[in-house]
């Protein structure tokens, strides 16, 4: 159930529960959420200082709906799965970064010899 990797597109129209299994991932995940307009249910932008990760550590899960988030432990999400039938349950493994620069039209023409 938690093997699905979190994808940014999940924030668009989905209700999602995201497990963040490592303290090393928290800052990156909070940045991704803040950059995409997600806020805590009180309206505060997420960051590494208010991640609540230490409350449940590797069992921390974030509920995100309509741009608002809260948190709970993974066991809660599993025990009450019937209460969240429309939620995608996934794990944040890290932010995707490209290791290369995307070619522009001129670069492609040069490559093709046009």
PDB file of N, CA and C in Angstrom:
ATOM      1  N   UNK A   1       0.814  -1.193   0.000  1.00  0.00           N
ATOM      2  CA  UNK A   1       0.000   0.000   0.000  1.00  0.00           C
ATOM      3  C   UNK A   1       0.859   1.258   0.000  1.00  0.00           C
ATOM      4  N   UNK A   2       1.962   1.277   0.691  1.00  0.00           N
ATOM      5  CA  UNK A   2       2.802   2.472   0.805  1.00  0.00           C
ATOM      6  C   UNK A   2       3.931   2.476  -0.208  1.00  0.00           C
ATOM      7  N   UNK A   3       3.995   1.471  -1.091  1.00  0.00           N
ATOM      8  CA  UNK A   3       5.084   1.365  -2.050  1.00  0.00           C
ATOM      9  C   UNK A   3       5.012   2.436  -3.142  1.00  0.00           C
ATOM     10  N   UNK A   4       3.841   2.981  -3.368  1.00  0.00           N
ATOM     11  CA  UNK A   4       3.689   4.014  -4.389  1.00  0.00           C
ATOM     12  C   UNK A   4       4.500   5.239  -4.004  1.00  0.00           C
ATOM     13  N   UNK A   5       5.303   5.719  -4.930  1.00  0.00           N
ATOM     14  CA  UNK A   5       6.116   6.912  -4.674  1.00  0.00           C
ATOM     15  C   UNK A   5       5.259   8.160  -4.834  1.00  0.00           C
ATOM     16  N   UNK A   6       5.435   9.106  -3.926  1.00  0.00           N
ATOM     17  CA  UNK A   6       4.741  10.378  -4.028  1.00  0.00           C
ATOM     18  C   UNK A   6       5.141  11.058  -5.325  1.00  0.00           C
ATOM     19  N   UNK A   7       4.146  11.593  -6.005  1.00  0.00           N
ATOM     20  CA  UNK A   7       4.362  12.345  -7.228  1.00  0.00           C
ATOM     21  C   UNK A   7       3.659  13.685  -7.065  1.00  0.00           C
ATOM     22  N   UNK A   8       4.293  14.734  -7.510  1.00  0.00           N
ATOM     23  CA  UNK A   8       3.758  16.082  -7.369  1.00  0.00           C
ATOM     24  C   UNK A   8       2.341  16.215  -7.918  1.00  0.00           C
ATOM     25  N   UNK A   9       2.024  15.474  -8.955  1.00  0.00           N
ATOM     26  CA  UNK A   9       0.690  15.551  -9.556  1.00  0.00           C
ATOM     27  C   UNK A   9      -0.402  15.104  -8.585  1.00  0.00           C
ATOM     28  N   UNK A  10      -0.039  14.364  -7.554  1.00  0.00           N
ATOM     29  CA  UNK A  10      -1.018  13.906  -6.575  1.00  0.00           C
ATOM     30  C   UNK A  10      -1.639  15.065  -5.805  1.00  0.00           C
ATOM     31  N   UNK A  11      -0.971  16.200  -5.779  1.00  0.00           N
ATOM     32  CA  UNK A  11      -1.492  17.359  -5.063  1.00  0.00           C
ATOM     33  C   UNK A  11      -2.620  18.055  -5.817  1.00  0.00           C
ATOM     34  N   UNK A  12      -2.737  17.799  -7.097  1.00  0.00           N
ATOM     35  CA  UNK A  12      -3.705  18.517  -7.930  1.00  0.00           C
ATOM     36  C   UNK A  12      -5.148  18.249  -7.542  1.00  0.00           C
ATOM     37  N   UNK A  13      -5.610  17.044  -7.692  1.00  0.00           N
ATOM     38  CA  UNK A  13      -7.015  16.736  -7.450  1.00  0.00           C
ATOM     39  C   UNK A  13      -7.232  15.618  -6.450  1.00  0.00           C
ATOM     40  N   UNK A  14      -6.164  15.099  -5.899  1.00  0.00           N
ATOM     41  CA  UNK A  14      -6.280  13.924  -5.061  1.00  0.00           C
ATOM     42  C   UNK A  14      -6.271  14.256  -3.586  1.00  0.00           C
ATOM     43  N   UNK A  15      -6.808  13.335  -2.854  1.00  0.00           N
ATOM     44  CA  UNK A  15      -6.636  13.321  -1.413  1.00  0.00           C
ATOM     45  C   UNK A  15      -5.517  12.323  -1.204  1.00  0.00           C
ATOM     46  N   UNK A  16      -4.486  12.738  -0.507  1.00  0.00           N
ATOM     47  CA  UNK A  16      -3.308  11.891  -0.415  1.00  0.00           C
ATOM     48  C   UNK A  16      -2.802  11.828   1.024  1.00  0.00           C
ATOM     49  N   UNK A  17      -2.319  10.647   1.391  1.00  0.00           N
ATOM     50  CA  UNK A  17      -1.662  10.443   2.676  1.00  0.00           C
ATOM     51  C   UNK A  17      -0.233  10.039   2.342  1.00  0.00           C
ATOM     52  N   UNK A  18       0.721  10.843   2.786  1.00  0.00           N
ATOM     53  CA  UNK A  18       2.117  10.633   2.414  1.00  0.00           C
ATOM     54  C   UNK A  18       2.942  10.277   3.636  1.00  0.00           C
ATOM     55  N   UNK A  19       3.574   9.115   3.595  1.00  0.00           N
ATOM     56  CA  UNK A  19       4.511   8.722   4.641  1.00  0.00           C
ATOM     57  C   UNK A  19       5.873   9.324   4.319  1.00  0.00           C
ATOM     58  N   UNK A  20       6.500   9.928   5.318  1.00  0.00           N
ATOM     59  CA  UNK A  20       7.849  10.480   5.158  1.00  0.00           C
ATOM     60  C   UNK A  20       8.748   9.709   6.124  1.00  0.00           C
ATOM     61  N   UNK A  21       9.394   8.642   5.647  1.00  0.00           N
ATOM     62  CA  UNK A  21      10.057   7.690   6.529  1.00  0.00           C
ATOM     63  C   UNK A  21      11.423   8.092   7.066  1.00  0.00           C
ATOM     64  N   UNK A  22      11.936   9.239   6.693  1.00  0.00           N
ATOM     65  CA  UNK A  22      13.288   9.597   7.108  1.00  0.00           C
ATOM     66  C   UNK A  22      13.401  11.077   7.438  1.00  0.00           C
ATOM     67  N   UNK A  23      14.098  11.386   8.505  1.00  0.00           N
ATOM     68  CA  UNK A  23      14.339  12.777   8.876  1.00  0.00           C
ATOM     69  C   UNK A  23      15.094  13.502   7.764  1.00  0.00           C
ATOM     70  N   UNK A  24      15.899  12.770   7.014  1.00  0.00           N
ATOM     71  CA  UNK A  24      16.661  13.371   5.922  1.00  0.00           C
ATOM     72  C   UNK A  24      15.763  13.850   4.782  1.00  0.00           C
ATOM     73  N   UNK A  25      14.549  13.330   4.691  1.00  0.00           N
ATOM     74  CA  UNK A  25      13.628  13.694   3.626  1.00  0.00           C
ATOM     75  C   UNK A  25      12.668  14.816   3.998  1.00  0.00           C
ATOM     76  N   UNK A  26      12.541  15.077   5.291  1.00  0.00           N
ATOM     77  CA  UNK A  26      11.526  16.020   5.765  1.00  0.00           C
ATOM     78  C   UNK A  26      11.690  17.415   5.174  1.00  0.00           C
ATOM     79  N   UNK A  27      12.881  17.966   5.216  1.00  0.00           N
ATOM     80  CA  UNK A  27      13.081  19.326   4.719  1.00  0.00           C
ATOM     81  C   UNK A  27      12.693  19.420   3.249  1.00  0.00           C
ATOM     82  N   UNK A  28      13.122  18.453   2.462  1.00  0.00           N
ATOM     83  CA  UNK A  28      12.790  18.444   1.044  1.00  0.00           C
ATOM     84  C   UNK A  28      11.282  18.354   0.834  1.00  0.00           C
ATOM     85  N   UNK A  29      10.616  17.480   1.573  1.00  0.00           N
ATOM     86  CA  UNK A  29       9.173  17.319   1.421  1.00  0.00           C
ATOM     87  C   UNK A  29       8.430  18.591   1.830  1.00  0.00           C
ATOM     88  N   UNK A  30       8.827  19.188   2.929  1.00  0.00           N
ATOM     89  CA  UNK A  30       8.183  20.426   3.366  1.00  0.00           C
ATOM     90  C   UNK A  30       8.375  21.536   2.332  1.00  0.00           C
ATOM     91  N   UNK A  31       9.558  21.600   1.714  1.00  0.00           N
ATOM     92  CA  UNK A  31       9.809  22.589   0.668  1.00  0.00           C
ATOM     93  C   UNK A  31       8.909  22.358  -0.538  1.00  0.00           C
ATOM     94  N   UNK A  32       8.766  21.094  -0.944  1.00  0.00           N
ATOM     95  CA  UNK A  32       7.900  20.755  -2.080  1.00  0.00           C
ATOM     96  C   UNK A  32       6.475  21.213  -1.796  1.00  0.00           C
ATOM     97  N   UNK A  33       6.003  20.935  -0.593  1.00  0.00           N
ATOM     98  CA  UNK A  33       4.635  21.320  -0.245  1.00  0.00           C
ATOM     99  C   UNK A  33       4.466  22.838  -0.229  1.00  0.00           C
ATOM    100  N   UNK A  34       5.404  23.526   0.408  1.00  0.00           N
ATOM    101  CA  UNK A  34       5.323  24.992   0.487  1.00  0.00           C
ATOM    102  C   UNK A  34       5.377  25.627  -0.899  1.00  0.00           C
ATOM    103  N   UNK A  35       6.246  25.123  -1.767  1.00  0.00           N
ATOM    104  CA  UNK A  35       6.372  25.659  -3.125  1.00  0.00           C
ATOM    105  C   UNK A  35       5.107  25.453  -3.944  1.00  0.00           C
ATOM    106  N   UNK A  36       4.293  24.498  -3.520  1.00  0.00           N
ATOM    107  CA  UNK A  36       3.066  24.201  -4.258  1.00  0.00           C
ATOM    108  C   UNK A  36       1.814  24.675  -3.527  1.00  0.00           C
ATOM    109  N   UNK A  37       2.014  25.587  -2.587  1.00  0.00           N
ATOM    110  CA  UNK A  37       0.889  26.250  -1.940  1.00  0.00           C
ATOM    111  C   UNK A  37       0.173  25.477  -0.858  1.00  0.00           C
ATOM    112  N   UNK A  38       0.726  24.357  -0.431  1.00  0.00           N
ATOM    113  CA  UNK A  38       0.104  23.583   0.641  1.00  0.00           C
ATOM    114  C   UNK A  38       0.428  24.255   1.974  1.00  0.00           C
ATOM    115  N   UNK A  39      -0.570  24.340   2.844  1.00  0.00           N
ATOM    116  CA  UNK A  39      -0.365  24.917   4.168  1.00  0.00           C
ATOM    117  C   UNK A  39      -0.894  23.967   5.237  1.00  0.00           C
ATOM    118  N   UNK A  40      -0.429  24.170   6.449  1.00  0.00           N
ATOM    119  CA  UNK A  40      -0.990  23.447   7.582  1.00  0.00           C
ATOM    120  C   UNK A  40      -2.430  23.880   7.755  1.00  0.00           C
ATOM    121  N   UNK A  41      -3.241  23.103   8.438  1.00  0.00           N
ATOM    122  CA  UNK A  41      -4.662  23.432   8.586  1.00  0.00           C
ATOM    123  C   UNK A  41      -4.869  24.792   9.261  1.00  0.00           C
ATOM    124  N   UNK A  42      -3.875  25.307   9.960  1.00  0.00           N
ATOM    125  CA  UNK A  42      -3.968  26.633  10.558  1.00  0.00           C
ATOM    126  C   UNK A  42      -3.516  27.749   9.629  1.00  0.00           C
ATOM    127  N   UNK A  43      -3.069  27.409   8.415  1.00  0.00           N
ATOM    128  CA  UNK A  43      -2.673  28.395   7.427  1.00  0.00           C
ATOM    129  C   UNK A  43      -1.179  28.651   7.345  1.00  0.00           C
ATOM    130  N   UNK A  44      -0.403  28.049   8.226  1.00  0.00           N
ATOM    131  CA  UNK A  44       1.050  28.254   8.236  1.00  0.00           C
ATOM    132  C   UNK A  44       1.718  27.417   7.143  1.00  0.00           C
ATOM    133  N   UNK A  45       2.704  27.995   6.482  1.00  0.00           N
ATOM    134  CA  UNK A  45       3.457  27.267   5.453  1.00  0.00           C
ATOM    135  C   UNK A  45       4.326  26.203   6.116  1.00  0.00           C
ATOM    136  N   UNK A  46       4.402  25.007   5.533  1.00  0.00           N
ATOM    137  CA  UNK A  46       5.248  23.957   6.104  1.00  0.00           C
ATOM    138  C   UNK A  46       6.727  24.260   5.904  1.00  0.00           C
ATOM    139  N   UNK A  47       7.535  23.867   6.872  1.00  0.00           N
ATOM    140  CA  UNK A  47       8.989  23.976   6.773  1.00  0.00           C
ATOM    141  C   UNK A  47       9.607  22.946   7.701  1.00  0.00           C
ATOM    142  N   UNK A  48      10.925  22.830   7.675  1.00  0.00           N
ATOM    143  CA  UNK A  48      11.583  21.783   8.456  1.00  0.00           C
ATOM    144  C   UNK A  48      11.404  21.984   9.962  1.00  0.00           C
ATOM    145  N   UNK A  49      11.089  23.182  10.389  1.00  0.00           N
ATOM    146  CA  UNK A  49      10.947  23.458  11.821  1.00  0.00           C
ATOM    147  C   UNK A  49       9.559  23.129  12.355  1.00  0.00           C
ATOM    148  N   UNK A  50       8.555  23.078  11.489  1.00  0.00           N
ATOM    149  CA  UNK A  50       7.208  22.759  11.953  1.00  0.00           C
ATOM    150  C   UNK A  50       6.663  21.482  11.302  1.00  0.00           C
ATOM    151  N   UNK A  51       7.547  20.590  10.917  1.00  0.00           N
ATOM    152  CA  UNK A  51       7.150  19.378  10.186  1.00  0.00           C
ATOM    153  C   UNK A  51       6.410  18.359  11.044  1.00  0.00           C
ATOM    154  N   UNK A  52       6.520  18.472  12.355  1.00  0.00           N
ATOM    155  CA  UNK A  52       5.899  17.520  13.293  1.00  0.00           C
ATOM    156  C   UNK A  52       6.476  16.116  13.149  1.00  0.00           C
ATOM    157  N   UNK A  53       7.548  15.957  12.388  1.00  0.00           N
ATOM    158  CA  UNK A  53       8.100  14.633  12.118  1.00  0.00           C
ATOM    159  C   UNK A  53       8.551  13.923  13.397  1.00  0.00           C
ATOM    160  N   UNK A  54       9.100  14.659  14.328  1.00  0.00           N
ATOM    161  CA  UNK A  54       9.610  14.032  15.550  1.00  0.00           C
ATOM    162  C   UNK A  54       8.525  13.416  16.426  1.00  0.00           C
ATOM    163  N   UNK A  55       7.281  13.776  16.198  1.00  0.00           N
ATOM    164  CA  UNK A  55       6.194  13.202  16.992  1.00  0.00           C
ATOM    165  C   UNK A  55       5.998  11.713  16.707  1.00  0.00           C
ATOM    166  N   UNK A  56       6.164  11.303  15.454  1.00  0.00           N
ATOM    167  CA  UNK A  56       5.970   9.897  15.072  1.00  0.00           C
ATOM    168  C   UNK A  56       7.151   9.306  14.314  1.00  0.00           C
ATOM    169  N   UNK A  57       8.160  10.129  14.073  1.00  0.00           N
ATOM    170  CA  UNK A  57       9.386   9.731  13.374  1.00  0.00           C
ATOM    171  C   UNK A  57       9.061   9.030  12.047  1.00  0.00           C
ATOM    172  N   UNK A  58       9.674   7.865  11.776  1.00  0.00           N
ATOM    173  CA  UNK A  58       9.507   7.215  10.466  1.00  0.00           C
ATOM    174  C   UNK A  58       8.070   6.766  10.187  1.00  0.00           C
ATOM    175  N   UNK A  59       7.216   6.817  11.169  1.00  0.00           N
ATOM    176  CA  UNK A  59       5.805   6.469  10.985  1.00  0.00           C
ATOM    177  C   UNK A  59       4.944   7.698  10.662  1.00  0.00           C
ATOM    178  N   UNK A  60       5.560   8.852  10.489  1.00  0.00           N
ATOM    179  CA  UNK A  60       4.819  10.088  10.234  1.00  0.00           C
ATOM    180  C   UNK A  60       4.164  10.063   8.855  1.00  0.00           C
ATOM    181  N   UNK A  61       2.890  10.394   8.849  1.00  0.00           N
ATOM    182  CA  UNK A  61       2.136  10.514   7.601  1.00  0.00           C
ATOM    183  C   UNK A  61       1.458  11.874   7.578  1.00  0.00           C
ATOM    184  N   UNK A  62       1.412  12.454   6.387  1.00  0.00           N
ATOM    185  CA  UNK A  62       0.789  13.759   6.188  1.00  0.00           C
ATOM    186  C   UNK A  62      -0.446  13.589   5.327  1.00  0.00           C
ATOM    187  N   UNK A  63      -1.586  14.070   5.834  1.00  0.00           N
ATOM    188  CA  UNK A  63      -2.836  14.068   5.102  1.00  0.00           C
ATOM    189  C   UNK A  63      -2.916  15.385   4.351  1.00  0.00           C
ATOM    190  N   UNK A  64      -3.107  15.338   3.052  1.00  0.00           N
ATOM    191  CA  UNK A  64      -3.169  16.555   2.248  1.00  0.00           C
ATOM    192  C   UNK A  64      -4.448  16.519   1.409  1.00  0.00           C
ATOM    193  N   UNK A  65      -5.286  17.530   1.632  1.00  0.00           N
ATOM    194  CA  UNK A  65      -6.543  17.661   0.892  1.00  0.00           C
ATOM    195  C   UNK A  65      -6.772  19.129   0.574  1.00  0.00           C
ATOM    196  N   UNK A  66      -7.054  19.408  -0.680  1.00  0.00           N
ATOM    197  CA  UNK A  66      -7.397  20.771  -1.094  1.00  0.00           C
ATOM    198  C   UNK A  66      -6.384  21.809  -0.620  1.00  0.00           C
ATOM    199  N   UNK A  67      -5.107  21.471  -0.675  1.00  0.00           N
ATOM    200  CA  UNK A  67      -4.057  22.414  -0.327  1.00  0.00           C
ATOM    201  C   UNK A  67      -3.818  22.600   1.158  1.00  0.00           C
ATOM    202  N   UNK A  68      -4.471  21.786   1.975  1.00  0.00           N
ATOM    203  CA  UNK A  68      -4.314  21.875   3.422  1.00  0.00           C
ATOM    204  C   UNK A  68      -3.808  20.532   3.954  1.00  0.00           C
ATOM    205  N   UNK A  69      -2.945  20.599   4.965  1.00  0.00           N
ATOM    206  CA  UNK A  69      -2.368  19.369   5.481  1.00  0.00           C
ATOM    207  C   UNK A  69      -2.479  19.261   7.000  1.00  0.00           C
ATOM    208  N   UNK A  70      -2.439  18.043   7.454  1.00  0.00           N
ATOM    209  CA  UNK A  70      -2.343  17.702   8.863  1.00  0.00           C
ATOM    210  C   UNK A  70      -1.479  16.452   8.941  1.00  0.00           C
ATOM    211  N   UNK A  71      -1.281  15.900  10.112  1.00  0.00           N
ATOM    212  CA  UNK A  71      -0.422  14.727  10.225  1.00  0.00           C
ATOM    213  C   UNK A  71      -0.977  13.748  11.248  1.00  0.00           C
ATOM    214  N   UNK A  72      -0.497  12.544  11.163  1.00  0.00           N
ATOM    215  CA  UNK A  72      -0.845  11.481  12.099  1.00  0.00           C
ATOM    216  C   UNK A  72       0.178  10.372  11.890  1.00  0.00           C
ATOM    217  N   UNK A  73       0.043   9.284  12.624  1.00  0.00           N
ATOM    218  CA  UNK A  73       0.988   8.181  12.423  1.00  0.00           C
ATOM    219  C   UNK A  73       0.439   7.180  11.404  1.00  0.00           C
ATOM    220  N   UNK A  74       1.332   6.385  10.879  1.00  0.00           N
ATOM    221  CA  UNK A  74       1.003   5.419   9.824  1.00  0.00           C
ATOM    222  C   UNK A  74      -0.009   4.388  10.316  1.00  0.00           C
ATOM    223  N   UNK A  75       0.115   3.980  11.555  1.00  0.00           N
ATOM    224  CA  UNK A  75      -0.798   2.991  12.113  1.00  0.00           C
ATOM    225  C   UNK A  75      -2.239   3.494  12.065  1.00  0.00           C
ATOM    226  N   UNK A  76      -2.437   4.761  12.360  1.00  0.00           N
ATOM    227  CA  UNK A  76      -3.771   5.357  12.292  1.00  0.00           C
ATOM    228  C   UNK A  76      -4.328   5.251  10.879  1.00  0.00           C
ATOM    229  N   UNK A  77      -3.508   5.556   9.895  1.00  0.00           N
ATOM    230  CA  UNK A  77      -3.940   5.485   8.497  1.00  0.00           C
ATOM    231  C   UNK A  77      -4.321   4.060   8.106  1.00  0.00           C
ATOM    232  N   UNK A  78      -3.604   3.092   8.645  1.00  0.00           N
ATOM    233  CA  UNK A  78      -3.889   1.692   8.318  1.00  0.00           C
ATOM    234  C   UNK A  78      -5.117   1.179   9.067  1.00  0.00           C
ATOM    235  N   UNK A  79      -5.234   1.519  10.343  1.00  0.00           N
ATOM    236  CA  UNK A  79      -6.362   1.044  11.146  1.00  0.00           C
ATOM    237  C   UNK A  79      -7.691   1.630  10.682  1.00  0.00           C
ATOM    238  N   UNK A  80      -7.663   2.864  10.185  1.00  0.00           N
ATOM    239  CA  UNK A  80      -8.882   3.534   9.767  1.00  0.00           C
ATOM    240  C   UNK A  80      -8.939   3.716   8.246  1.00  0.00           C
ATOM    241  N   UNK A  81      -8.346   2.778   7.521  1.00  0.00           N
ATOM    242  CA  UNK A  81      -8.294   2.854   6.049  1.00  0.00           C
ATOM    243  C   UNK A  81      -9.688   2.980   5.444  1.00  0.00           C
ATOM    244  N   UNK A  82     -10.681   2.352   6.049  1.00  0.00           N
ATOM    245  CA  UNK A  82     -12.049   2.433   5.524  1.00  0.00           C
ATOM    246  C   UNK A  82     -12.600   3.853   5.592  1.00  0.00           C
ATOM    247  N   UNK A  83     -12.056   4.659   6.509  1.00  0.00           N
ATOM    248  CA  UNK A  83     -12.493   6.052   6.628  1.00  0.00           C
ATOM    249  C   UNK A  83     -11.878   6.945   5.548  1.00  0.00           C
ATOM    250  N   UNK A  84     -10.864   6.423   4.854  1.00  0.00           N
ATOM    251  CA  UNK A  84     -10.152   7.196   3.834  1.00  0.00           C
ATOM    252  C   UNK A  84     -10.096   6.434   2.512  1.00  0.00           C
ATOM    253  N   UNK A  85     -11.233   5.988   1.989  1.00  0.00           N
ATOM    254  CA  UNK A  85     -11.205   5.138   0.793  1.00  0.00           C
ATOM    255  C   UNK A  85     -10.732   5.849  -0.469  1.00  0.00           C
ATOM    256  N   UNK A  86     -10.845   7.166  -0.507  1.00  0.00           N
ATOM    257  CA  UNK A  86     -10.474   7.907  -1.711  1.00  0.00           C
ATOM    258  C   UNK A  86      -9.096   8.538  -1.616  1.00  0.00           C
ATOM    259  N   UNK A  87      -8.356   8.197  -0.595  1.00  0.00           N
ATOM    260  CA  UNK A  87      -7.017   8.754  -0.406  1.00  0.00           C
ATOM    261  C   UNK A  87      -5.960   7.835  -1.009  1.00  0.00           C
ATOM    262  N   UNK A  88      -5.033   8.427  -1.724  1.00  0.00           N
ATOM    263  CA  UNK A  88      -3.879   7.687  -2.219  1.00  0.00           C
ATOM    264  C   UNK A  88      -2.894   7.588  -1.060  1.00  0.00           C
ATOM    265  N   UNK A  89      -2.415   6.412  -0.780  1.00  0.00           N
ATOM    266  CA  UNK A  89      -1.424   6.221   0.282  1.00  0.00           C
ATOM    267  C   UNK A  89      -0.078   5.966  -0.389  1.00  0.00           C
ATOM    268  N   UNK A  90       0.894   6.828  -0.108  1.00  0.00           N
ATOM    269  CA  UNK A  90       2.175   6.738  -0.785  1.00  0.00           C
ATOM    270  C   UNK A  90       3.310   7.133   0.162  1.00  0.00           C
ATOM    271  N   UNK A  91       4.520   7.051  -0.351  1.00  0.00           N
ATOM    272  CA  UNK A  91       5.714   7.373   0.430  1.00  0.00           C
ATOM    273  C   UNK A  91       6.538   8.399  -0.323  1.00  0.00           C
ATOM    274  N   UNK A  92       7.071   9.364   0.428  1.00  0.00           N
ATOM    275  CA  UNK A  92       7.965  10.363  -0.161  1.00  0.00           C
ATOM    276  C   UNK A  92       9.379   9.795  -0.105  1.00  0.00           C
ATOM    277  N   UNK A  93       9.978   9.567  -1.276  1.00  0.00           N
ATOM    278  CA  UNK A  93      11.332   9.031  -1.372  1.00  0.00           C
ATOM    279  C   UNK A  93      12.354  10.106  -1.716  1.00  0.00           C
ATOM    280  N   UNK A  94      11.881  11.313  -1.977  1.00  0.00           N
ATOM    281  CA  UNK A  94      12.767  12.412  -2.341  1.00  0.00           C
ATOM    282  C   UNK A  94      12.199  13.175  -3.515  1.00  0.00           C
ATOM    283  N   UNK A  95      12.638  14.405  -3.628  1.00  0.00           N
ATOM    284  CA  UNK A  95      12.184  15.243  -4.736  1.00  0.00           C
ATOM    285  C   UNK A  95      12.919  14.836  -5.995  1.00  0.00           C
ATOM    286  N   UNK A  96      12.188  14.719  -7.082  1.00  0.00           N
ATOM    287  CA  UNK A  96      12.817  14.409  -8.366  1.00  0.00           C
ATOM    288  C   UNK A  96      13.625  15.607  -8.830  1.00  0.00           C
ATOM    289  N   UNK A  97      14.836  15.343  -9.214  1.00  0.00           N
ATOM    290  CA  UNK A  97      15.670  16.392  -9.787  1.00  0.00           C
ATOM    291  C   UNK A  97      16.247  15.865 -11.086  1.00  0.00           C
ATOM    292  N   UNK A  98      16.361  16.745 -12.043  1.00  0.00           N
ATOM    293  CA  UNK A  98      16.945  16.320 -13.306  1.00  0.00           C
ATOM    294  C   UNK A  98      18.454  16.448 -13.225  1.00  0.00           C
ATOM    295  N   UNK A  99      19.152  15.455 -13.739  1.00  0.00           N
ATOM    296  CA  UNK A  99      20.609  15.446 -13.718  1.00  0.00           C
ATOM    297  C   UNK A  99      21.189  16.036 -14.999  1.00  0.00           C
ATOM    298  N   UNK A 100      20.331  16.546 -15.836  1.00  0.00           N
ATOM    299  CA  UNK A 100      20.797  17.099 -17.098  1.00  0.00           C
ATOM    300  C   UNK A 100      19.976  18.344 -17.419  1.00  0.00           C
ATOM    301  N   UNK A 101      20.519  19.120 -18.318  1.00  0.00           N
ATOM    302  CA  UNK A 101      19.831  20.317 -18.759  1.00  0.00           C
ATOM    303  C   UNK A 101      19.009  19.974 -19.995  1.00  0.00           C
ATOM    304  N   UNK A 102      17.769  20.391 -20.024  1.00  0.00           N
ATOM    305  CA  UNK A 102      16.904  20.104 -21.163  1.00  0.00           C
ATOM    306  C   UNK A 102      17.359  20.934 -22.360  1.00  0.00           C
ATOM    307  N   UNK A 103      17.468  20.273 -23.496  1.00  0.00           N
ATOM    308  CA  UNK A 103      17.932  20.942 -24.720  1.00  0.00           C
ATOM    309  C   UNK A 103      16.871  21.901 -25.242  1.00  0.00           C
ATOM    310  N   UNK A 104      17.348  23.043 -25.741  1.00  0.00           N
ATOM    311  CA  UNK A 104      16.421  23.981 -26.385  1.00  0.00           C
ATOM    312  C   UNK A 104      16.403  23.678 -27.889  1.00  0.00           C
ATOM    313  N   UNK A 105      15.618  24.423 -28.642  1.00  0.00           N
ATOM    314  CA  UNK A 105      15.468  24.166 -30.085  1.00  0.00           C
ATOM    315  C   UNK A 105      16.801  24.285 -30.834  1.00  0.00           C
ATOM    316  N   UNK A 106      17.606  25.285 -30.476  1.00  0.00           N
ATOM    317  CA  UNK A 106      18.910  25.448 -31.148  1.00  0.00           C
ATOM    318  C   UNK A 106      19.819  24.247 -30.894  1.00  0.00           C
ATOM    319  N   UNK A 107      19.837  23.751 -29.671  1.00  0.00           N
ATOM    320  CA  UNK A 107      20.650  22.580 -29.340  1.00  0.00           C
ATOM    321  C   UNK A 107      20.214  21.362 -30.146  1.00  0.00           C
ATOM    322  N   UNK A 108      18.917  21.193 -30.295  1.00  0.00           N
ATOM    323  CA  UNK A 108      18.400  20.056 -31.055  1.00  0.00           C
ATOM    324  C   UNK A 108      18.762  20.171 -32.523  1.00  0.00           C
ATOM    325  N   UNK A 109      18.645  21.381 -33.070  1.00  0.00           N
ATOM    326  CA  UNK A 109      19.018  21.594 -34.488  1.00  0.00           C
ATOM    327  C   UNK A 109      20.503  21.272 -34.713  1.00  0.00           C
ATOM    328  N   UNK A 110      21.349  21.757 -33.796  1.00  0.00           N
ATOM    329  CA  UNK A 110      22.793  21.468 -33.912  1.00  0.00           C
ATOM    330  C   UNK A 110      23.054  19.978 -33.845  1.00  0.00           C
ATOM    331  N   UNK A 111      22.386  19.297 -32.944  1.00  0.00           N
ATOM    332  CA  UNK A 111      22.562  17.855 -32.804  1.00  0.00           C
ATOM    333  C   UNK A 111      22.148  17.129 -34.080  1.00  0.00           C
ATOM    334  N   UNK A 112      21.052  17.588 -34.682  1.00  0.00           N
ATOM    335  CA  UNK A 112      20.548  16.953 -35.893  1.00  0.00           C
ATOM    336  C   UNK A 112      21.253  17.447 -37.161  1.00  0.00           C
ATOM    337  N   UNK A 113      22.093  18.467 -37.017  1.00  0.00           N
ATOM    338  CA  UNK A 113      22.818  19.008 -38.164  1.00  0.00           C
ATOM    339  C   UNK A 113      21.933  19.816 -39.099  1.00  0.00           C
ATOM    340  N   UNK A 114      20.940  20.417 -38.570  1.00  0.00           N
ATOM    341  CA  UNK A 114      20.009  21.222 -39.390  1.00  0.00           C
ATOM    342  C   UNK A 114      20.397  22.680 -39.316  1.00  0.00           C
TER     343      UNK A 114
END
